[in-house]
PDB file of N, CA and C in Angstrom:
ATOM      1  N   MET A   1     128.899  29.145   4.080  1.00  0.00           N
ATOM      2  CA  MET A   1     129.823  28.955   4.670  1.00  0.00           C
ATOM      3  C   MET A   1     130.472  28.283   5.758  1.00  0.00           C
ATOM      4  N   LYS A   2     130.757  27.635   5.966  1.00  0.00           N
ATOM      5  CA  LYS A   2     130.524  26.398   7.213  1.00  0.00           C
ATOM      6  C   LYS A   2     131.361  27.666   8.316  1.00  0.00           C
ATOM      7  N   LYS A   3     131.133  27.123   9.741  1.00  0.00           N
ATOM      8  CA  LYS A   3     131.407  27.774  10.234  1.00  0.00           C
ATOM      9  C   LYS A   3     132.634  28.033  10.872  1.00  0.00           C
ATOM     10  N   GLU A   4     133.592  26.551  10.115  1.00  0.00           N
ATOM     11  CA  GLU A   4     135.143  26.250  10.715  1.00  0.00           C
ATOM     12  C   GLU A   4     135.922  26.689  10.214  1.00  0.00           C
ATOM     13  N   VAL A   5     135.480  27.173   8.605  1.00  0.00           N
ATOM     14  CA  VAL A   5     135.531  28.000   8.011  1.00  0.00           C
ATOM     15  C   VAL A   5     136.262  30.068   8.390  1.00  0.00           C
ATOM     16  N   ARG A   6     134.905  30.120   9.052  1.00  0.00           N
ATOM     17  CA  ARG A   6     135.231  31.747   9.306  1.00  0.00           C
ATOM     18  C   ARG A   6     136.352  32.249   9.950  1.00  0.00           C
ATOM     19  N   PRO A   7     136.861  31.315  10.904  1.00  0.00           N
ATOM     20  CA  PRO A   7     137.720  31.800  11.913  1.00  0.00           C
ATOM     21  C   PRO A   7     139.354  31.722  10.842  1.00  0.00           C
ATOM     22  N   PHE A   8     139.389  30.807  10.285  1.00  0.00           N
ATOM     23  CA  PHE A   8     140.421  30.343   9.067  1.00  0.00           C
ATOM     24  C   PHE A   8     140.642  31.760   8.550  1.00  0.00           C
ATOM     25  N   ILE A   9     139.364  32.633   7.737  1.00  0.00           N
ATOM     26  CA  ILE A   9     139.849  33.594   6.939  1.00  0.00           C
ATOM     27  C   ILE A   9     139.857  34.544   7.371  1.00  0.00           C
ATOM     28  N   PHE A  10     139.088  34.696   8.791  1.00  0.00           N
ATOM     29  CA  PHE A  10     139.401  35.830   9.278  1.00  0.00           C
ATOM     30  C   PHE A  10     140.693  36.441   9.828  1.00  0.00           C
ATOM     31  N   THR A  11     141.669  35.206  10.206  1.00  0.00           N
ATOM     32  CA  THR A  11     142.697  34.929  10.626  1.00  0.00           C
ATOM     33  C   THR A  11     143.869  35.576   9.556  1.00  0.00           C
ATOM     34  N   LEU A  12     143.496  34.757   8.248  1.00  0.00           N
ATOM     35  CA  LEU A  12     144.650  35.101   7.025  1.00  0.00           C
ATOM     36  C   LEU A  12     144.222  36.465   6.631  1.00  0.00           C
ATOM     37  N   ILE A  13     142.630  37.048   7.005  1.00  0.00           N
ATOM     38  CA  ILE A  13     142.772  38.223   6.399  1.00  0.00           C
ATOM     39  C   ILE A  13     143.582  39.594   6.980  1.00  0.00           C
ATOM     40  N   VAL A  14     143.421  39.310   8.819  1.00  0.00           N
ATOM     41  CA  VAL A  14     144.411  40.272   9.705  1.00  0.00           C
ATOM     42  C   VAL A  14     146.093  40.016   9.573  1.00  0.00           C
ATOM     43  N   LEU A  15     146.334  38.642   8.859  1.00  0.00           N
ATOM     44  CA  LEU A  15     148.020  38.036   8.622  1.00  0.00           C
ATOM     45  C   LEU A  15     148.364  39.531   7.532  1.00  0.00           C
ATOM     46  N   VAL A  16     147.536  39.606   6.895  1.00  0.00           N
ATOM     47  CA  VAL A  16     147.657  40.147   5.673  1.00  0.00           C
ATOM     48  C   VAL A  16     147.751  41.722   5.607  1.00  0.00           C
ATOM     49  N   VAL A  17     147.036  42.091   6.369  1.00  0.00           N
ATOM     50  CA  VAL A  17     146.627  43.396   6.637  1.00  0.00           C
ATOM     51  C   VAL A  17     147.941  43.858   8.097  1.00  0.00           C
ATOM     52  N   LEU A  18     148.141  42.785   8.337  1.00  0.00           N
ATOM     53  CA  LEU A  18     149.448  43.389   9.409  1.00  0.00           C
ATOM     54  C   LEU A  18     150.755  43.455   8.486  1.00  0.00           C
ATOM     55  N   ILE A  19     150.715  42.618   7.328  1.00  0.00           N
ATOM     56  CA  ILE A  19     151.950  41.918   6.913  1.00  0.00           C
ATOM     57  C   ILE A  19     152.184  43.525   5.596  1.00  0.00           C
ATOM     58  N   ALA A  20     150.951  43.712   5.283  1.00  0.00           N
ATOM     59  CA  ALA A  20     151.080  44.686   4.690  1.00  0.00           C
ATOM     60  C   ALA A  20     151.478  46.057   4.677  1.00  0.00           C
ATOM     61  N   ALA A  21     150.897  46.069   6.642  1.00  0.00           N
ATOM     62  CA  ALA A  21     151.095  47.798   6.622  1.00  0.00           C
ATOM     63  C   ALA A  21     152.228  47.959   7.429  1.00  0.00           C
ATOM     64  N   TYR A  22     152.993  46.803   7.909  1.00  0.00           N
ATOM     65  CA  TYR A  22     154.720  46.804   8.144  1.00  0.00           C
ATOM     66  C   TYR A  22     155.358  47.967   7.338  1.00  0.00           C
ATOM     67  N   PRO A  23     155.545  47.171   6.113  1.00  0.00           N
ATOM     68  CA  PRO A  23     156.112  48.045   4.743  1.00  0.00           C
ATOM     69  C   PRO A  23     155.991  49.835   5.345  1.00  0.00           C
ATOM     70  N   SER A  24     154.634  50.385   5.457  1.00  0.00           N
ATOM     71  CA  SER A  24     153.570  51.104   5.198  1.00  0.00           C
ATOM     72  C   SER A  24     154.447  52.222   6.779  1.00  0.00           C
ATOM     73  N   TYR A  25     154.682  51.312   7.508  1.00  0.00           N
ATOM     74  CA  TYR A  25     154.600  51.748   8.966  1.00  0.00           C
ATOM     75  C   TYR A  25     156.390  52.075   8.674  1.00  0.00           C
ATOM     76  N   ARG A  26     157.617  51.474   8.923  1.00  0.00           N
ATOM     77  CA  ARG A  26     159.037  51.969   8.186  1.00  0.00           C
ATOM     78  C   ARG A  26     158.974  52.850   7.368  1.00  0.00           C
ATOM     79  N   LEU A  27     158.550  53.729   6.222  1.00  0.00           N
ATOM     80  CA  LEU A  27     158.289  54.692   5.491  1.00  0.00           C
ATOM     81  C   LEU A  27     157.973  55.678   6.180  1.00  0.00           C
ATOM     82  N   PHE A  28     156.448  55.658   6.690  1.00  0.00           N
ATOM     83  CA  PHE A  28     156.274  56.702   8.117  1.00  0.00           C
ATOM     84  C   PHE A  28     157.332  57.050   9.448  1.00  0.00           C
ATOM     85  N   SER A  29     157.808  56.388   9.584  1.00  0.00           N
ATOM     86  CA  SER A  29     158.796  56.290  10.691  1.00  0.00           C
ATOM     87  C   SER A  29     159.905  57.145  10.245  1.00  0.00           C
ATOM     88  N   LYS A  30     160.519  56.387   8.514  1.00  0.00           N
ATOM     89  CA  LYS A  30     161.562  57.518   8.159  1.00  0.00           C
ATOM     90  C   LYS A  30     161.814  58.731   7.709  1.00  0.00           C
ATOM     91  N   VAL A  31     160.112  59.039   7.367  1.00  0.00           N
ATOM     92  CA  VAL A  31     160.011  60.360   7.012  1.00  0.00           C
ATOM     93  C   VAL A  31     159.584  61.208   8.007  1.00  0.00           C
ATOM     94  N   SER A  32     159.689  60.803   8.881  1.00  0.00           N
ATOM     95  CA  SER A  32     158.969  61.258  10.419  1.00  0.00           C
ATOM     96  C   SER A  32     160.422  62.241  11.136  1.00  0.00           C
ATOM     97  N   THR A  33     160.998  60.898  11.073  1.00  0.00           N
ATOM     98  CA  THR A  33     162.132  60.747  11.350  1.00  0.00           C
ATOM     99  C   THR A  33     163.161  61.966  11.186  1.00  0.00           C
ATOM    100  N   GLU A  34     163.221  62.132   9.479  1.00  0.00           N
ATOM    101  CA  GLU A  34     163.985  62.776   8.998  1.00  0.00           C
ATOM    102  C   GLU A  34     163.277  64.174   8.758  1.00  0.00           C
ATOM    103  N   SER A  35     162.237  64.400   8.664  1.00  0.00           N
ATOM    104  CA  SER A  35     161.705  65.332   8.905  1.00  0.00           C
ATOM    105  C   SER A  35     161.651  66.251   9.740  1.00  0.00           C
ATOM    106  N   LYS A  36     161.498  65.612  11.224  1.00  0.00           N
ATOM    107  CA  LYS A  36     162.083  66.440  12.650  1.00  0.00           C
ATOM    108  C   LYS A  36     163.207  66.747  12.516  1.00  0.00           C
ATOM    109  N   ILE A  37     164.339  66.064  12.106  1.00  0.00           N
ATOM    110  CA  ILE A  37     165.479  66.560  12.245  1.00  0.00           C
ATOM    111  C   ILE A  37     165.956  67.363  11.461  1.00  0.00           C
ATOM    112  N   GLU A  38     165.503  67.269  10.199  1.00  0.00           N
ATOM    113  CA  GLU A  38     165.831  67.896   8.955  1.00  0.00           C
ATOM    114  C   GLU A  38     165.297  69.713   9.663  1.00  0.00           C
ATOM    115  N   ASN A  39     164.239  69.409  10.223  1.00  0.00           N
ATOM    116  CA  ASN A  39     163.796  71.404  10.555  1.00  0.00           C
ATOM    117  C   ASN A  39     164.246  72.016  11.526  1.00  0.00           C
ATOM    118  N   LEU A  40     165.027  71.005  12.613  1.00  0.00           N
ATOM    119  CA  LEU A  40     165.155  71.713  13.538  1.00  0.00           C
ATOM    120  C   LEU A  40     167.125  72.191  13.252  1.00  0.00           C
ATOM    121  N   LEU A  41     167.524  71.416  12.329  1.00  0.00           N
ATOM    122  CA  LEU A  41     168.778  71.710  11.405  1.00  0.00           C
ATOM    123  C   LEU A  41     168.918  72.887  11.102  1.00  0.00           C
ATOM    124  N   GLU A  42     167.414  72.967  10.059  1.00  0.00           N
ATOM    125  CA  GLU A  42     167.303  74.198   9.454  1.00  0.00           C
ATOM    126  C   GLU A  42     166.914  75.826  10.862  1.00  0.00           C
ATOM    127  N   GLN A  43     166.529  75.224  11.852  1.00  0.00           N
ATOM    128  CA  GLN A  43     165.947  76.093  12.937  1.00  0.00           C
ATOM    129  C   GLN A  43     167.290  76.830  13.160  1.00  0.00           C
ATOM    130  N   LYS A  44     168.474  75.893  13.511  1.00  0.00           N
ATOM    131  CA  LYS A  44     169.597  76.106  14.104  1.00  0.00           C
ATOM    132  C   LYS A  44     170.446  76.591  12.825  1.00  0.00           C
ATOM    133  N   ASP A  45     170.610  76.619  12.022  1.00  0.00           N
ATOM    134  CA  ASP A  45     171.213  77.120  10.513  1.00  0.00           C
ATOM    135  C   ASP A  45     172.042  76.396  10.333  1.00  0.00           C
ATOM    136  N   TYR A  46     172.219  74.979  11.089  1.00  0.00           N
ATOM    137  CA  TYR A  46     173.333  74.039  10.298  1.00  0.00           C
ATOM    138  C   TYR A  46     173.452  73.307   9.437  1.00  0.00           C
ATOM    139  N   ASP A  47     171.956  73.541   8.868  1.00  0.00           N
ATOM    140  CA  ASP A  47     171.683  72.752   7.129  1.00  0.00           C
ATOM    141  C   ASP A  47     173.146  73.398   5.854  1.00  0.00           C
ATOM    142  N   GLN A  48     173.547  74.784   6.173  1.00  0.00           N
ATOM    143  CA  GLN A  48     174.346  75.160   5.478  1.00  0.00           C
ATOM    144  C   GLN A  48     175.646  74.663   5.390  1.00  0.00           C
ATOM    145  N   ASP A  49     175.857  73.977   6.719  1.00  0.00           N
ATOM    146  CA  ASP A  49     177.400  73.247   6.308  1.00  0.00           C
ATOM    147  C   ASP A  49     177.501  71.927   6.018  1.00  0.00           C
ATOM    148  N   ILE A  50     176.487  71.374   5.609  1.00  0.00           N
ATOM    149  CA  ILE A  50     176.359  70.210   5.036  1.00  0.00           C
ATOM    150  C   ILE A  50     177.299  69.587   4.104  1.00  0.00           C
ATOM    151  N   SER A  51     178.243  68.574   4.539  1.00  0.00           N
ATOM    152  CA  SER A  51     178.906  68.455   2.788  1.00  0.00           C
ATOM    153  C   SER A  51     178.308  66.864   2.923  1.00  0.00           C
ATOM    154  N   LYS A  52     177.457  65.838   4.176  1.00  0.00           N
ATOM    155  CA  LYS A  52     176.706  64.861   3.462  1.00  0.00           C
ATOM    156  C   LYS A  52     176.213  64.629   4.676  1.00  0.00           C
ATOM    157  N   LYS A  53     174.840  63.824   3.962  1.00  0.00           N
ATOM    158  CA  LYS A  53     173.708  63.144   4.762  1.00  0.00           C
ATOM    159  C   LYS A  53     173.111  61.861   4.744  1.00  0.00           C
ATOM    160  N   GLU A  54     172.978  61.546   5.467  1.00  0.00           N
ATOM    161  CA  GLU A  54     172.265  59.754   5.031  1.00  0.00           C
ATOM    162  C   GLU A  54     171.500  59.471   6.060  1.00  0.00           C
ATOM    163  N   MET A  55     169.882  59.406   5.517  1.00  0.00           N
ATOM    164  CA  MET A  55     169.297  58.637   6.356  1.00  0.00           C
ATOM    165  C   MET A  55     169.795  56.684   6.745  1.00  0.00           C
ATOM    166  N   MET A  56     169.427  56.243   8.143  1.00  0.00           N
ATOM    167  CA  MET A  56     170.198  54.752   7.876  1.00  0.00           C
ATOM    168  C   MET A  56     169.130  54.131   9.215  1.00  0.00           C
ATOM    169  N   TYR A  57     169.150  53.489   8.941  1.00  0.00           N
ATOM    170  CA  TYR A  57     168.395  52.317  10.216  1.00  0.00           C
ATOM    171  C   TYR A  57     168.989  51.579  10.797  1.00  0.00           C
ATOM    172  N   ASP A  58     169.097  51.301  12.403  1.00  0.00           N
ATOM    173  CA  ASP A  58     169.636  50.647  13.396  1.00  0.00           C
ATOM    174  C   ASP A  58     168.179  49.659  14.016  1.00  0.00           C
ATOM    175  N   SER A  59     168.780  48.110  12.996  1.00  0.00           N
ATOM    176  CA  SER A  59     168.167  46.715  13.120  1.00  0.00           C
ATOM    177  C   SER A  59     167.817  46.640  14.465  1.00  0.00           C
ATOM    178  N   LYS A  60     168.692  46.761  15.422  1.00  0.00           N
ATOM    179  CA  LYS A  60     168.931  47.225  16.746  1.00  0.00           C
ATOM    180  C   LYS A  60     167.518  47.372  17.502  1.00  0.00           C
ATOM    181  N   THR A  61     167.670  48.556  17.231  1.00  0.00           N
ATOM    182  CA  THR A  61     166.541  49.490  17.811  1.00  0.00           C
ATOM    183  C   THR A  61     165.553  50.081  17.166  1.00  0.00           C
ATOM    184  N   GLY A  62     165.406  49.625  15.622  1.00  0.00           N
ATOM    185  CA  GLY A  62     164.728  49.579  14.910  1.00  0.00           C
ATOM    186  C   GLY A  62     164.312  51.346  14.505  1.00  0.00           C
ATOM    187  N   ARG A  63     164.953  51.894  14.600  1.00  0.00           N
ATOM    188  CA  ARG A  63     164.603  53.727  15.184  1.00  0.00           C
ATOM    189  C   ARG A  63     166.034  53.889  13.660  1.00  0.00           C
ATOM    190  N   TYR A  64     165.359  55.055  12.906  1.00  0.00           N
ATOM    191  CA  TYR A  64     166.158  55.608  11.759  1.00  0.00           C
ATOM    192  C   TYR A  64     166.589  57.324  12.777  1.00  0.00           C
ATOM    193  N   PHE A  65     168.105  56.968  11.836  1.00  0.00           N
ATOM    194  CA  PHE A  65     168.530  58.147  12.846  1.00  0.00           C
ATOM    195  C   PHE A  65     169.458  59.137  10.867  1.00  0.00           C
ATOM    196  N   LEU A  66     169.660  60.531  11.381  1.00  0.00           N
ATOM    197  CA  LEU A  66     170.889  60.786  10.392  1.00  0.00           C
ATOM    198  C   LEU A  66     172.421  61.070  10.451  1.00  0.00           C
ATOM    199  N   GLU A  67     172.835  60.422   9.614  1.00  0.00           N
ATOM    200  CA  GLU A  67     174.077  60.828   9.833  1.00  0.00           C
ATOM    201  C   GLU A  67     174.729  61.987   8.711  1.00  0.00           C
ATOM    202  N   VAL A  68     175.393  62.402   9.839  1.00  0.00           N
ATOM    203  CA  VAL A  68     175.473  64.009   9.334  1.00  0.00           C
ATOM    204  C   VAL A  68     177.118  64.036   9.320  1.00  0.00           C
ATOM    205  N   ARG A  69     178.093  65.019   8.113  1.00  0.00           N
ATOM    206  CA  ARG A  69     179.268  65.743   7.660  1.00  0.00           C
ATOM    207  C   ARG A  69     179.511  66.458   7.636  1.00  0.00           C
ATOM    208  N   TYR A  70     180.090  67.695   8.431  1.00  0.00           N
ATOM    209  CA  TYR A  70     180.078  68.835   7.773  1.00  0.00           C
ATOM    210  C   TYR A  70     181.667  69.510   7.102  1.00  0.00           C
ATOM    211  N   GLU A  71     181.227  70.447   6.735  1.00  0.00           N
ATOM    212  CA  GLU A  71     182.391  71.272   6.175  1.00  0.00           C
ATOM    213  C   GLU A  71     183.464  71.732   6.835  1.00  0.00           C
ATOM    214  N   ASN A  72     182.891  72.476   7.427  1.00  0.00           N
ATOM    215  CA  ASN A  72     183.809  72.987   8.416  1.00  0.00           C
ATOM    216  C   ASN A  72     184.247  71.940   9.528  1.00  0.00           C
ATOM    217  N   GLU A  73     183.836  70.579   9.965  1.00  0.00           N
ATOM    218  CA  GLU A  73     184.218  69.711  10.619  1.00  0.00           C
ATOM    219  C   GLU A  73     184.471  68.533   9.860  1.00  0.00           C
ATOM    220  N   PRO A  74     185.129  68.148   8.978  1.00  0.00           N
ATOM    221  CA  PRO A  74     185.704  67.296   8.592  1.00  0.00           C
ATOM    222  C   PRO A  74     186.447  65.938   9.139  1.00  0.00           C
ATOM    223  N   ASP A  75     186.225  66.520  10.507  1.00  0.00           N
ATOM    224  CA  ASP A  75     187.270  64.673  10.798  1.00  0.00           C
ATOM    225  C   ASP A  75     185.547  64.402  12.245  1.00  0.00           C
ATOM    226  N   TYR A  76     184.708  65.201  12.106  1.00  0.00           N
ATOM    227  CA  TYR A  76     183.753  64.680  13.306  1.00  0.00           C
ATOM    228  C   TYR A  76     182.261  63.711  12.286  1.00  0.00           C
ATOM    229  N   THR A  77     181.947  63.092  12.709  1.00  0.00           N
ATOM    230  CA  THR A  77     179.934  62.440  11.996  1.00  0.00           C
ATOM    231  C   THR A  77     179.405  62.762  13.101  1.00  0.00           C
ATOM    232  N   TYR A  78     178.528  63.276  12.688  1.00  0.00           N
ATOM    233  CA  TYR A  78     177.499  63.234  13.846  1.00  0.00           C
ATOM    234  C   TYR A  78     176.151  62.273  13.426  1.00  0.00           C
ATOM    235  N   THR A  79     175.495  61.906  14.678  1.00  0.00           N
ATOM    236  CA  THR A  79     174.438  61.277  14.542  1.00  0.00           C
ATOM    237  C   THR A  79     173.242  61.591  15.070  1.00  0.00           C
ATOM    238  N   TYR A  80     172.013  62.137  14.715  1.00  0.00           N
ATOM    239  CA  TYR A  80     170.894  62.697  15.501  1.00  0.00           C
ATOM    240  C   TYR A  80     170.164  61.747  15.485  1.00  0.00           C
ATOM    241  N   GLU A  81     169.558  61.475  16.264  1.00  0.00           N
ATOM    242  CA  GLU A  81     168.043  60.434  16.404  1.00  0.00           C
ATOM    243  C   GLU A  81     167.229  60.746  17.521  1.00  0.00           C
ATOM    244  N   VAL A  82     165.399  61.008  16.599  1.00  0.00           N
ATOM    245  CA  VAL A  82     164.270  60.927  17.498  1.00  0.00           C
ATOM    246  C   VAL A  82     164.411  60.191  18.630  1.00  0.00           C
ATOM    247  N   ILE A  83     164.336  59.795  19.680  1.00  0.00           N
ATOM    248  CA  ILE A  83     163.734  59.645  20.919  1.00  0.00           C
ATOM    249  C   ILE A  83     163.035  60.181  22.008  1.00  0.00           C
ATOM    250  N   ASP A  84     161.781  59.932  21.831  1.00  0.00           N
ATOM    251  CA  ASP A  84     160.485  60.304  22.972  1.00  0.00           C
ATOM    252  C   ASP A  84     160.575  61.802  22.111  1.00  0.00           C
ATOM    253  N   ASP A  85     160.209  61.846  21.446  1.00  0.00           N
ATOM    254  CA  ASP A  85     160.372  63.386  20.311  1.00  0.00           C
ATOM    255  C   ASP A  85     161.546  64.745  21.088  1.00  0.00           C
ATOM    256  N   LYS A  86     162.587  64.249  21.585  1.00  0.00           N
ATOM    257  CA  LYS A  86     163.587  64.691  21.532  1.00  0.00           C
ATOM    258  C   LYS A  86     164.754  64.265  21.048  1.00  0.00           C
ATOM    259  N   ILE A  87     165.605  64.715  20.093  1.00  0.00           N
ATOM    260  CA  ILE A  87     166.868  65.034  19.273  1.00  0.00           C
ATOM    261  C   ILE A  87     167.931  64.674  19.909  1.00  0.00           C
ATOM    262  N   LEU A  88     168.646  63.321  19.945  1.00  0.00           N
ATOM    263  CA  LEU A  88     169.987  62.660  20.366  1.00  0.00           C
ATOM    264  C   LEU A  88     171.091  62.709  19.761  1.00  0.00           C
ATOM    265  N   THR A  89     172.202  63.655  20.032  1.00  0.00           N
ATOM    266  CA  THR A  89     172.892  64.152  18.854  1.00  0.00           C
ATOM    267  C   THR A  89     174.279  63.060  19.465  1.00  0.00           C
ATOM    268  N   ILE A  90     175.077  61.935  18.682  1.00  0.00           N
ATOM    269  CA  ILE A  90     176.797  61.524  19.338  1.00  0.00           C
ATOM    270  C   ILE A  90     177.515  61.807  18.071  1.00  0.00           C
ATOM    271  N   ALA A  91     178.515  62.776  18.609  1.00  0.00           N
ATOM    272  CA  ALA A  91     179.505  63.270  17.427  1.00  0.00           C
ATOM    273  C   ALA A  91     180.490  61.744  17.551  1.00  0.00           C
ATOM    274  N   TYR A  92     181.025  61.675  16.598  1.00  0.00           N
ATOM    275  CA  TYR A  92     182.299  60.377  16.366  1.00  0.00           C
ATOM    276  C   TYR A  92     183.654  60.850  15.534  1.00  0.00           C
ATOM    277  N   ASP A  93     184.654  60.479  15.887  1.00  0.00           N
ATOM    278  CA  ASP A  93     185.642  61.360  15.240  1.00  0.00           C
ATOM    279  C   ASP A  93     186.137  59.829  13.844  1.00  0.00           C
ATOM    280  N   LYS A  94     187.057  59.858  13.360  1.00  0.00           N
ATOM    281  CA  LYS A  94     187.462  59.330  12.124  1.00  0.00           C
ATOM    282  C   LYS A  94     187.941  57.709  12.843  1.00  0.00           C
ATOM    283  N   LYS A  95     188.165  57.776  13.749  1.00  0.00           N
ATOM    284  CA  LYS A  95     188.328  56.567  14.759  1.00  0.00           C
ATOM    285  C   LYS A  95     187.082  55.832  15.103  1.00  0.00           C
ATOM    286  N   LYS A  96     185.684  56.522  14.558  1.00  0.00           N
ATOM    287  CA  LYS A  96     185.042  55.753  15.387  1.00  0.00           C
ATOM    288  C   LYS A  96     184.612  55.429  16.760  1.00  0.00           C
ATOM    289  N   SER A  97     185.306  56.726  17.939  1.00  0.00           N
ATOM    290  CA  SER A  97     185.468  57.071  19.367  1.00  0.00           C
ATOM    291  C   SER A  97     184.241  58.010  19.186  1.00  0.00           C
ATOM    292  N   GLU A  98     183.787  57.836  20.329  1.00  0.00           N
ATOM    293  CA  GLU A  98     182.755  58.965  20.574  1.00  0.00           C
ATOM    294  C   GLU A  98     183.680  59.900  21.268  1.00  0.00           C
ATOM    295  N   VAL A  99     183.266  61.411  21.051  1.00  0.00           N
ATOM    296  CA  VAL A  99     183.921  62.611  20.799  1.00  0.00           C
ATOM    297  C   VAL A  99     182.591  63.106  22.197  1.00  0.00           C
ATOM    298  N   THR A 100     183.998  63.830  23.422  1.00  0.00           N
ATOM    299  CA  THR A 100     182.516  64.029  24.333  1.00  0.00           C
ATOM    300  C   THR A 100     183.014  65.097  24.846  1.00  0.00           C
ATOM    301  N   THR A 101     183.747  66.432  23.954  1.00  0.00           N
ATOM    302  CA  THR A 101     184.149  67.426  24.202  1.00  0.00           C
ATOM    303  C   THR A 101     182.457  68.279  23.241  1.00  0.00           C
ATOM    304  N   ASP A 102     183.041  69.642  23.697  1.00  0.00           N
ATOM    305  CA  ASP A 102     182.293  70.792  22.671  1.00  0.00           C
ATOM    306  C   ASP A 102     182.085  70.638  21.471  1.00  0.00           C
ATOM    307  N   LEU A 103     181.154  70.290  20.533  1.00  0.00           N
ATOM    308  CA  LEU A 103     181.227  70.258  19.431  1.00  0.00           C
ATOM    309  C   LEU A 103     180.746  71.495  18.447  1.00  0.00           C
ATOM    310  N   LYS A 104     180.749  72.061  17.522  1.00  0.00           N
ATOM    311  CA  LYS A 104     179.892  73.482  17.156  1.00  0.00           C
ATOM    312  C   LYS A 104     178.335  72.866  16.906  1.00  0.00           C
ATOM    313  N   HIS A 105     178.042  71.555  16.697  1.00  0.00           N
ATOM    314  CA  HIS A 105     176.734  70.839  15.694  1.00  0.00           C
ATOM    315  C   HIS A 105     175.982  70.104  16.892  1.00  0.00           C
ATOM    316  N   ILE A 106     176.436  69.992  18.483  1.00  0.00           N
ATOM    317  CA  ILE A 106     175.134  69.626  19.194  1.00  0.00           C
ATOM    318  C   ILE A 106     173.882  70.276  19.228  1.00  0.00           C
ATOM    319  N   LEU A 107     172.892  69.043  19.175  1.00  0.00           N
ATOM    320  CA  LEU A 107     171.882  69.678  19.178  1.00  0.00           C
ATOM    321  C   LEU A 107     171.243  69.585  20.573  1.00  0.00           C
ATOM    322  N   LYS A 108     170.404  70.684  20.879  1.00  0.00           N
ATOM    323  CA  LYS A 108     170.356  70.736  22.645  1.00  0.00           C
ATOM    324  C   LYS A 108     169.154  71.039  23.211  1.00  0.00           C
TER     325      LYS A 108
END
């Protein structure tokens, strides 16, 4: 094989590996985030009151978050997101305004 072709083939192989690895990284990130949040919700016994939950992806931050509605607080939607191994909780009302008062399902 000619010496001029080797760098091209090496570059092509690296590019293919990187492109193939990206979906695997996203899947790992999603599963990891979901697992951490679910475990903490179970520890706090919040999982008993869940009426709806959905894992979502924020393309701006590149992170997954869990959106949850509880049966005993149907007017609020909670988002749980893992940031630096800590779980950030934000609650929204029906008008999509952030709620800053004390609510039952805030993770601390």
